[in-house]
PDB file of N, CA and C in Angstrom:
ATOM      1  N   MET A   1      17.342  34.944  -4.114  1.00  0.00           N
ATOM      2  CA  MET A   1      16.051  33.889  -3.409  1.00  0.00           C
ATOM      3  C   MET A   1      16.828  32.574  -3.641  1.00  0.00           C
ATOM      4  N   PRO A   2      17.301  31.897  -2.398  1.00  0.00           N
ATOM      5  CA  PRO A   2      17.942  30.638  -2.866  1.00  0.00           C
ATOM      6  C   PRO A   2      16.699  29.602  -3.014  1.00  0.00           C
ATOM      7  N   GLN A   3      15.721  29.935  -2.464  1.00  0.00           N
ATOM      8  CA  GLN A   3      14.694  28.365  -2.666  1.00  0.00           C
ATOM      9  C   GLN A   3      14.248  28.430  -4.314  1.00  0.00           C
ATOM     10  N   LEU A   4      14.527  29.381  -5.213  1.00  0.00           N
ATOM     11  CA  LEU A   4      14.074  29.214  -6.100  1.00  0.00           C
ATOM     12  C   LEU A   4      15.421  28.379  -7.159  1.00  0.00           C
ATOM     13  N   ASN A   5      16.320  28.247  -6.550  1.00  0.00           N
ATOM     14  CA  ASN A   5      17.297  27.338  -7.104  1.00  0.00           C
ATOM     15  C   ASN A   5      17.014  25.950  -6.870  1.00  0.00           C
ATOM     16  N   PRO A   6      16.771  25.243  -8.070  1.00  0.00           N
ATOM     17  CA  PRO A   6      16.524  23.999  -7.916  1.00  0.00           C
ATOM     18  C   PRO A   6      17.892  22.706  -7.800  1.00  0.00           C
ATOM     19  N   SER A   7      18.822  23.414  -8.022  1.00  0.00           N
ATOM     20  CA  SER A   7      19.936  22.299  -8.198  1.00  0.00           C
ATOM     21  C   SER A   7      20.361  21.659  -6.563  1.00  0.00           C
ATOM     22  N   PRO A   8      20.253  22.377  -5.509  1.00  0.00           N
ATOM     23  CA  PRO A   8      20.740  21.615  -4.612  1.00  0.00           C
ATOM     24  C   PRO A   8      19.363  20.690  -4.108  1.00  0.00           C
ATOM     25  N   TRP A   9      18.198  21.103  -4.227  1.00  0.00           N
ATOM     26  CA  TRP A   9      17.056  20.533  -3.920  1.00  0.00           C
ATOM     27  C   TRP A   9      16.450  19.213  -4.459  1.00  0.00           C
ATOM     28  N   LEU A  10      16.841  19.352  -5.883  1.00  0.00           N
ATOM     29  CA  LEU A  10      16.550  18.259  -6.753  1.00  0.00           C
ATOM     30  C   LEU A  10      17.781  17.213  -6.111  1.00  0.00           C
ATOM     31  N   ALA A  11      18.729  17.432  -5.857  1.00  0.00           N
ATOM     32  CA  ALA A  11      19.966  16.325  -5.663  1.00  0.00           C
ATOM     33  C   ALA A  11      19.161  15.723  -4.035  1.00  0.00           C
ATOM     34  N   ILE A  12      18.860  16.581  -3.421  1.00  0.00           N
ATOM     35  CA  ILE A  12      18.433  16.253  -1.912  1.00  0.00           C
ATOM     36  C   ILE A  12      17.364  15.091  -2.198  1.00  0.00           C
ATOM     37  N   LEU A  13      16.228  15.724  -2.789  1.00  0.00           N
ATOM     38  CA  LEU A  13      15.141  14.789  -3.434  1.00  0.00           C
ATOM     39  C   LEU A  13      15.633  13.511  -3.886  1.00  0.00           C
ATOM     40  N   LEU A  14      16.434  13.470  -4.889  1.00  0.00           N
ATOM     41  CA  LEU A  14      16.928  12.116  -5.664  1.00  0.00           C
ATOM     42  C   LEU A  14      17.629  11.093  -4.650  1.00  0.00           C
ATOM     43  N   PHE A  15      18.563  11.976  -3.802  1.00  0.00           N
ATOM     44  CA  PHE A  15      19.138  11.055  -2.803  1.00  0.00           C
ATOM     45  C   PHE A  15      18.155  10.308  -1.611  1.00  0.00           C
ATOM     46  N   THR A  16      17.216  11.250  -1.285  1.00  0.00           N
ATOM     47  CA  THR A  16      16.233  10.810  -0.423  1.00  0.00           C
ATOM     48  C   THR A  16      15.530   9.657  -0.766  1.00  0.00           C
ATOM     49  N   TRP A  17      14.964   9.693  -2.001  1.00  0.00           N
ATOM     50  CA  TRP A  17      14.294   8.840  -2.598  1.00  0.00           C
ATOM     51  C   TRP A  17      15.136   7.759  -3.307  1.00  0.00           C
ATOM     52  N   ALA A  18      16.096   7.607  -3.440  1.00  0.00           N
ATOM     53  CA  ALA A  18      17.172   6.373  -3.785  1.00  0.00           C
ATOM     54  C   ALA A  18      17.240   5.889  -2.361  1.00  0.00           C
ATOM     55  N   THR A  19      17.662   6.587  -1.101  1.00  0.00           N
ATOM     56  CA  THR A  19      17.796   5.808   0.183  1.00  0.00           C
ATOM     57  C   THR A  19      16.650   5.213   0.526  1.00  0.00           C
ATOM     58  N   PHE A  20      15.494   5.582   0.274  1.00  0.00           N
ATOM     59  CA  PHE A  20      14.263   4.940   0.781  1.00  0.00           C
ATOM     60  C   PHE A  20      13.750   3.721  -0.481  1.00  0.00           C
ATOM     61  N   LEU A  21      14.282   3.980  -1.400  1.00  0.00           N
ATOM     62  CA  LEU A  21      13.985   2.749  -2.657  1.00  0.00           C
ATOM     63  C   LEU A  21      15.087   1.645  -2.416  1.00  0.00           C
ATOM     64  N   ILE A  22      16.175   2.183  -1.666  1.00  0.00           N
ATOM     65  CA  ILE A  22      17.210   0.861  -1.608  1.00  0.00           C
ATOM     66  C   ILE A  22      17.141   0.195  -0.107  1.00  0.00           C
ATOM     67  N   MET A  23      16.606   1.058   0.855  1.00  0.00           N
ATOM     68  CA  MET A  23      16.589   0.792   2.272  1.00  0.00           C
ATOM     69  C   MET A  23      15.135  -0.187   2.987  1.00  0.00           C
ATOM     70  N   LEU A  24      14.168   0.409   2.235  1.00  0.00           N
ATOM     71  CA  LEU A  24      12.648  -0.068   2.936  1.00  0.00           C
ATOM     72  C   LEU A  24      12.437  -1.250   2.399  1.00  0.00           C
ATOM     73  N   PRO A  25      12.247  -1.422   1.057  1.00  0.00           N
ATOM     74  CA  PRO A  25      11.547  -2.772   0.597  1.00  0.00           C
ATOM     75  C   PRO A  25      12.072  -4.026   0.930  1.00  0.00           C
ATOM     76  N   PRO A  26      13.696  -4.261   1.339  1.00  0.00           N
ATOM     77  CA  PRO A  26      13.933  -5.347   1.957  1.00  0.00           C
ATOM     78  C   PRO A  26      13.511  -5.539   3.386  1.00  0.00           C
ATOM     79  N   LYS A  27      13.250  -4.369   4.105  1.00  0.00           N
ATOM     80  CA  LYS A  27      12.880  -4.516   5.490  1.00  0.00           C
ATOM     81  C   LYS A  27      11.331  -4.655   5.471  1.00  0.00           C
ATOM     82  N   ILE A  28      10.594  -4.367   4.627  1.00  0.00           N
ATOM     83  CA  ILE A  28       9.116  -4.327   4.521  1.00  0.00           C
ATOM     84  C   ILE A  28       8.654  -5.920   3.912  1.00  0.00           C
ATOM     85  N   MET A  29       9.525  -6.199   3.011  1.00  0.00           N
ATOM     86  CA  MET A  29       9.453  -7.859   2.472  1.00  0.00           C
ATOM     87  C   MET A  29       9.911  -8.658   3.796  1.00  0.00           C
ATOM     88  N   ALA A  30      10.805  -8.426   4.687  1.00  0.00           N
ATOM     89  CA  ALA A  30      11.125  -9.395   5.248  1.00  0.00           C
ATOM     90  C   ALA A  30      10.125  -9.860   6.867  1.00  0.00           C
ATOM     91  N   HIS A  31       8.952  -8.707   6.281  1.00  0.00           N
ATOM     92  CA  HIS A  31       7.998  -8.675   7.634  1.00  0.00           C
ATOM     93  C   HIS A  31       7.524  -9.916   7.721  1.00  0.00           C
ATOM     94  N   THR A  32       7.259 -10.582   8.874  1.00  0.00           N
ATOM     95  CA  THR A  32       6.425 -11.880   8.935  1.00  0.00           C
ATOM     96  C   THR A  32       5.029 -11.355   9.773  1.00  0.00           C
ATOM     97  N   PHE A  33       4.025 -12.264   9.577  1.00  0.00           N
ATOM     98  CA  PHE A  33       2.911 -12.084  10.697  1.00  0.00           C
ATOM     99  C   PHE A  33       3.199 -13.053  11.738  1.00  0.00           C
ATOM    100  N   LEU A  34       2.915 -12.832  13.101  1.00  0.00           N
ATOM    101  CA  LEU A  34       2.938 -13.543  14.116  1.00  0.00           C
ATOM    102  C   LEU A  34       2.139 -14.721  14.123  1.00  0.00           C
ATOM    103  N   ASN A  35       0.582 -14.344  13.365  1.00  0.00           N
ATOM    104  CA  ASN A  35      -0.362 -15.857  13.391  1.00  0.00           C
ATOM    105  C   ASN A  35      -0.224 -15.516  11.891  1.00  0.00           C
ATOM    106  N   GLU A  36      -0.316 -16.757  11.329  1.00  0.00           N
ATOM    107  CA  GLU A  36      -0.633 -16.919   9.915  1.00  0.00           C
ATOM    108  C   GLU A  36      -2.273 -16.815   9.892  1.00  0.00           C
ATOM    109  N   PRO A  37      -2.938 -16.059   9.066  1.00  0.00           N
ATOM    110  CA  PRO A  37      -4.379 -16.155   8.704  1.00  0.00           C
ATOM    111  C   PRO A  37      -4.650 -17.393   8.390  1.00  0.00           C
ATOM    112  N   ALA A  38      -5.736 -18.110   8.975  1.00  0.00           N
ATOM    113  CA  ALA A  38      -6.429 -19.561   8.239  1.00  0.00           C
ATOM    114  C   ALA A  38      -7.084 -19.221   7.503  1.00  0.00           C
ATOM    115  N   LEU A  39      -7.237 -20.075   6.406  1.00  0.00           N
ATOM    116  CA  LEU A  39      -8.095 -19.981   5.203  1.00  0.00           C
ATOM    117  C   LEU A  39      -9.649 -20.054   5.598  1.00  0.00           C
ATOM    118  N   GLN A  40     -10.236 -19.320   4.937  1.00  0.00           N
ATOM    119  CA  GLN A  40     -11.661 -19.326   5.340  1.00  0.00           C
ATOM    120  C   GLN A  40     -12.530 -20.277   4.481  1.00  0.00           C
ATOM    121  N   ASN A  41     -13.706 -20.216   4.666  1.00  0.00           N
ATOM    122  CA  ASN A  41     -14.692 -21.063   3.658  1.00  0.00           C
ATOM    123  C   ASN A  41     -14.966 -20.235   2.551  1.00  0.00           C
ATOM    124  N   VAL A  42     -14.689 -20.884   1.262  1.00  0.00           N
ATOM    125  CA  VAL A  42     -14.968 -20.102   0.030  1.00  0.00           C
ATOM    126  C   VAL A  42     -16.327 -20.176  -0.194  1.00  0.00           C
ATOM    127  N   VAL A  43     -17.333 -20.859   0.399  1.00  0.00           N
ATOM    128  CA  VAL A  43     -18.825 -20.989  -0.323  1.00  0.00           C
ATOM    129  C   VAL A  43     -19.446 -19.837  -0.103  1.00  0.00           C
ATOM    130  N   LYS A  44     -19.971 -19.255  -0.991  1.00  0.00           N
ATOM    131  CA  LYS A  44     -20.819 -18.042  -0.870  1.00  0.00           C
ATOM    132  C   LYS A  44     -22.207 -18.257  -0.337  1.00  0.00           C
ATOM    133  N   PRO A  45     -22.716 -17.433   0.263  1.00  0.00           N
ATOM    134  CA  PRO A  45     -23.946 -17.484   0.965  1.00  0.00           C
ATOM    135  C   PRO A  45     -25.079 -17.214   0.112  1.00  0.00           C
ATOM    136  N   LYS A  46     -26.192 -18.258   0.094  1.00  0.00           N
ATOM    137  CA  LYS A  46     -27.426 -18.063  -1.068  1.00  0.00           C
ATOM    138  C   LYS A  46     -28.204 -16.729  -0.422  1.00  0.00           C
ATOM    139  N   THR A  47     -28.221 -15.728  -1.864  1.00  0.00           N
ATOM    140  CA  THR A  47     -28.793 -14.644  -1.191  1.00  0.00           C
ATOM    141  C   THR A  47     -30.190 -14.537  -1.966  1.00  0.00           C
ATOM    142  N   THR A  48     -31.217 -13.900  -1.440  1.00  0.00           N
ATOM    143  CA  THR A  48     -32.533 -14.113  -2.254  1.00  0.00           C
ATOM    144  C   THR A  48     -32.759 -12.673  -2.839  1.00  0.00           C
ATOM    145  N   PRO A  49     -33.451 -12.435  -4.065  1.00  0.00           N
ATOM    146  CA  PRO A  49     -33.764 -11.358  -4.254  1.00  0.00           C
ATOM    147  C   PRO A  49     -34.808 -10.422  -3.723  1.00  0.00           C
ATOM    148  N   TRP A  50     -34.443  -9.136  -3.745  1.00  0.00           N
ATOM    149  CA  TRP A  50     -35.174  -8.229  -3.130  1.00  0.00           C
ATOM    150  C   TRP A  50     -36.440  -8.156  -3.707  1.00  0.00           C
ATOM    151  N   ASN A  51     -37.768  -7.905  -3.090  1.00  0.00           N
ATOM    152  CA  ASN A  51     -38.571  -7.500  -3.943  1.00  0.00           C
ATOM    153  C   ASN A  51     -39.334  -6.156  -3.499  1.00  0.00           C
ATOM    154  N   TRP A  52     -39.158  -5.251  -4.315  1.00  0.00           N
ATOM    155  CA  TRP A  52     -39.381  -3.787  -4.378  1.00  0.00           C
ATOM    156  C   TRP A  52     -40.972  -3.665  -4.399  1.00  0.00           C
ATOM    157  N   PRO A  53     -41.542  -3.087  -3.441  1.00  0.00           N
ATOM    158  CA  PRO A  53     -43.108  -3.067  -3.450  1.00  0.00           C
ATOM    159  C   PRO A  53     -43.351  -1.919  -4.195  1.00  0.00           C
ATOM    160  N   TRP A  54     -42.822  -0.947  -4.494  1.00  0.00           N
ATOM    161  CA  TRP A  54     -43.228   0.079  -5.515  1.00  0.00           C
ATOM    162  C   TRP A  54     -43.054   0.132  -6.919  1.00  0.00           C
ATOM    163  N   LEU A  55     -42.367  -1.217  -7.181  1.00  0.00           N
ATOM    164  CA  LEU A  55     -42.197  -1.234  -8.816  1.00  0.00           C
ATOM    165  C   LEU A  55     -43.415  -2.317  -9.360  1.00  0.00           C
TER     166      LEU A  55
END
């Protein structure tokens, strides 16, 4: 039963992850947004406490 022999599959797994870890992070980190997001207002809205009628 060749599927029980971990030798070739372990090497394939390790080479695949090494490829992903070497090639993908630079591509992801080089991504830029088309429109930079504008800063939002940091003032929190004033909330009023809820009066529970059954307490």
